[in-house]
Every structure is written in C-alpha cells, then in structure tokens.
Amino acid sequence: MARCDEMREGDVYYCDRCGLEIEVIEECSHEEDEEAEEVCTVEEFICCGQAMTLRED
C-alpha cells in the first residue's frame, strides 16, 4: 500500500475479503517546506484485518 502522498487521483483500493472499495478523489498535497514523510503517517488502509490492494486495471 502506498503512503497518501504517493496515491494518485482515480486510484482504487479494494478489500479481497468483503469487496469494499476506496477511490482517491483528490491527491494529497503539502506546503513546499513540509516533509511528506513527517505529514503522511498512514501507510496502509486495513479492512477485514488485511491491507487493501491497489486495483491495477
């Protein structure tokens, strides 16, 4: 799973177990003086106890 600053508009992440899908509507943005590694702390979406997968259509 990508960090939020690596996710792109239109990306869809899904859960293999229940089918839940999350679509990126707007990309993460930061001020020029902010470090993405300090701001983007969510490293993966978890659903049904496992990381969600990026759909590669």
N, C-alpha and C. Protein backbone atom coordinates (compact mmCIF):
# COMPACT_ATOMS: atom_id res chain seq x y z
N MET A 1 0.84 -1.17 0.00
CA MET A 1 0.00 0.00 0.00
C MET A 1 0.89 1.24 0.00
N ALA A 2 0.51 2.21 -0.76
CA ALA A 2 1.26 3.45 -0.87
C ALA A 2 0.95 4.40 0.29
N ARG A 3 1.89 5.27 0.58
CA ARG A 3 1.61 6.35 1.51
C ARG A 3 0.67 7.32 0.81
N CYS A 4 -0.03 8.15 1.57
CA CYS A 4 -1.03 9.03 0.96
C CYS A 4 -0.41 10.01 -0.04
N ASP A 5 0.84 10.41 0.14
CA ASP A 5 1.46 11.32 -0.82
C ASP A 5 1.85 10.61 -2.12
N GLU A 6 1.76 9.28 -2.15
CA GLU A 6 2.07 8.50 -3.36
C GLU A 6 0.80 8.08 -4.11
N MET A 7 -0.36 8.27 -3.50
CA MET A 7 -1.62 7.89 -4.13
C MET A 7 -2.02 8.94 -5.15
N ARG A 8 -2.60 8.51 -6.25
CA ARG A 8 -2.98 9.41 -7.33
C ARG A 8 -4.49 9.42 -7.53
N GLU A 9 -5.01 10.56 -7.98
CA GLU A 9 -6.42 10.70 -8.27
C GLU A 9 -6.88 9.58 -9.20
N GLY A 10 -7.98 8.94 -8.84
CA GLY A 10 -8.51 7.85 -9.65
C GLY A 10 -8.06 6.47 -9.20
N ASP A 11 -7.01 6.38 -8.35
CA ASP A 11 -6.59 5.08 -7.83
C ASP A 11 -7.74 4.48 -7.02
N VAL A 12 -7.92 3.16 -7.13
CA VAL A 12 -8.95 2.46 -6.37
C VAL A 12 -8.27 1.36 -5.56
N TYR A 13 -8.53 1.35 -4.26
CA TYR A 13 -8.02 0.33 -3.36
C TYR A 13 -9.21 -0.52 -2.93
N TYR A 14 -9.03 -1.85 -2.87
CA TYR A 14 -10.14 -2.74 -2.54
C TYR A 14 -9.73 -3.80 -1.54
N CYS A 15 -10.75 -4.35 -0.87
CA CYS A 15 -10.56 -5.43 0.09
C CYS A 15 -10.90 -6.75 -0.59
N ASP A 16 -9.98 -7.69 -0.57
CA ASP A 16 -10.19 -9.02 -1.18
C ASP A 16 -11.28 -9.81 -0.47
N ARG A 17 -11.49 -9.55 0.82
CA ARG A 17 -12.44 -10.35 1.60
C ARG A 17 -13.88 -9.89 1.47
N CYS A 18 -14.14 -8.57 1.63
CA CYS A 18 -15.53 -8.10 1.65
C CYS A 18 -15.92 -7.30 0.41
N GLY A 19 -14.94 -6.87 -0.39
CA GLY A 19 -15.24 -6.12 -1.60
C GLY A 19 -15.30 -4.61 -1.44
N LEU A 20 -15.08 -4.09 -0.23
CA LEU A 20 -15.07 -2.65 -0.02
C LEU A 20 -14.06 -2.00 -0.95
N GLU A 21 -14.43 -0.87 -1.57
CA GLU A 21 -13.52 -0.14 -2.44
C GLU A 21 -13.42 1.31 -1.97
N ILE A 22 -12.21 1.87 -2.07
CA ILE A 22 -11.97 3.27 -1.75
C ILE A 22 -11.28 3.89 -2.96
N GLU A 23 -11.85 4.99 -3.48
CA GLU A 23 -11.27 5.68 -4.63
C GLU A 23 -10.66 7.00 -4.17
N VAL A 24 -9.46 7.30 -4.68
CA VAL A 24 -8.81 8.57 -4.38
C VAL A 24 -9.48 9.64 -5.24
N ILE A 25 -10.12 10.60 -4.59
CA ILE A 25 -10.82 11.68 -5.28
C ILE A 25 -9.91 12.89 -5.47
N GLU A 26 -9.09 13.16 -4.46
CA GLU A 26 -8.17 14.30 -4.54
C GLU A 26 -6.82 13.86 -3.98
N GLU A 27 -5.75 14.23 -4.67
CA GLU A 27 -4.42 13.85 -4.23
C GLU A 27 -3.97 14.66 -3.02
N CYS A 28 -3.13 14.05 -2.22
CA CYS A 28 -2.53 14.69 -1.06
C CYS A 28 -1.58 15.79 -1.54
N SER A 29 -1.58 16.91 -0.85
CA SER A 29 -0.64 17.98 -1.20
C SER A 29 -0.07 18.57 0.08
N HIS A 30 1.12 19.10 -0.04
CA HIS A 30 1.82 19.67 1.12
C HIS A 30 2.42 21.00 0.74
N GLU A 31 2.66 21.80 1.75
CA GLU A 31 3.39 23.05 1.53
C GLU A 31 4.82 22.69 1.17
N GLU A 32 5.49 23.56 0.45
CA GLU A 32 6.85 23.28 -0.01
C GLU A 32 7.82 22.99 1.13
N ASP A 33 7.61 23.60 2.30
CA ASP A 33 8.53 23.42 3.41
C ASP A 33 8.21 22.21 4.28
N GLU A 34 7.12 21.50 3.99
CA GLU A 34 6.75 20.32 4.77
C GLU A 34 7.39 19.07 4.18
N GLU A 35 7.83 18.21 5.03
CA GLU A 35 8.37 16.91 4.61
C GLU A 35 7.22 15.92 4.54
N ALA A 36 6.99 15.29 3.39
CA ALA A 36 5.90 14.34 3.22
C ALA A 36 6.01 13.19 4.21
N GLU A 37 7.22 12.75 4.51
CA GLU A 37 7.40 11.63 5.42
C GLU A 37 6.91 11.98 6.83
N GLU A 38 6.98 13.25 7.21
CA GLU A 38 6.53 13.67 8.53
C GLU A 38 5.02 13.86 8.56
N VAL A 39 4.41 14.25 7.45
CA VAL A 39 3.00 14.56 7.39
C VAL A 39 2.16 13.33 7.07
N CYS A 40 2.59 12.51 6.14
CA CYS A 40 1.83 11.34 5.68
C CYS A 40 2.15 10.14 6.56
N THR A 41 1.35 9.95 7.61
CA THR A 41 1.66 8.89 8.56
C THR A 41 0.89 7.61 8.33
N VAL A 42 -0.18 7.64 7.51
CA VAL A 42 -0.95 6.43 7.23
C VAL A 42 -0.26 5.67 6.12
N GLU A 43 0.25 4.48 6.42
CA GLU A 43 1.00 3.74 5.42
C GLU A 43 0.14 2.73 4.67
N GLU A 44 -1.02 2.35 5.22
CA GLU A 44 -1.88 1.42 4.51
C GLU A 44 -3.29 1.46 5.05
N PHE A 45 -4.26 1.17 4.17
CA PHE A 45 -5.64 1.02 4.59
C PHE A 45 -5.83 -0.43 5.01
N ILE A 46 -6.45 -0.65 6.16
CA ILE A 46 -6.71 -2.01 6.65
C ILE A 46 -8.21 -2.25 6.62
N CYS A 47 -8.63 -3.38 6.09
CA CYS A 47 -10.03 -3.79 6.09
C CYS A 47 -10.06 -5.30 6.30
N CYS A 48 -10.95 -5.77 7.13
CA CYS A 48 -11.05 -7.21 7.43
C CYS A 48 -9.72 -7.80 7.88
N GLY A 49 -8.92 -6.98 8.57
CA GLY A 49 -7.66 -7.45 9.13
C GLY A 49 -6.49 -7.56 8.16
N GLN A 50 -6.65 -7.04 6.94
CA GLN A 50 -5.56 -7.13 5.96
C GLN A 50 -5.45 -5.82 5.18
N ALA A 51 -4.29 -5.60 4.56
CA ALA A 51 -4.08 -4.39 3.78
C ALA A 51 -4.93 -4.44 2.50
N MET A 52 -5.49 -3.28 2.16
CA MET A 52 -6.27 -3.18 0.92
C MET A 52 -5.30 -3.14 -0.26
N THR A 53 -5.76 -3.57 -1.44
CA THR A 53 -4.94 -3.73 -2.62
C THR A 53 -5.27 -2.67 -3.66
N LEU A 54 -4.25 -2.14 -4.34
CA LEU A 54 -4.46 -1.19 -5.42
C LEU A 54 -4.97 -1.95 -6.65
N ARG A 55 -6.09 -1.51 -7.20
CA ARG A 55 -6.63 -2.13 -8.42
C ARG A 55 -5.76 -1.71 -9.59
N GLU A 56 -5.30 -2.66 -10.34
CA GLU A 56 -4.41 -2.43 -11.49
C GLU A 56 -5.18 -2.70 -12.79
N ASP A 57 -6.15 -1.84 -13.13
CA ASP A 57 -6.94 -2.05 -14.36
C ASP A 57 -6.22 -1.53 -15.57
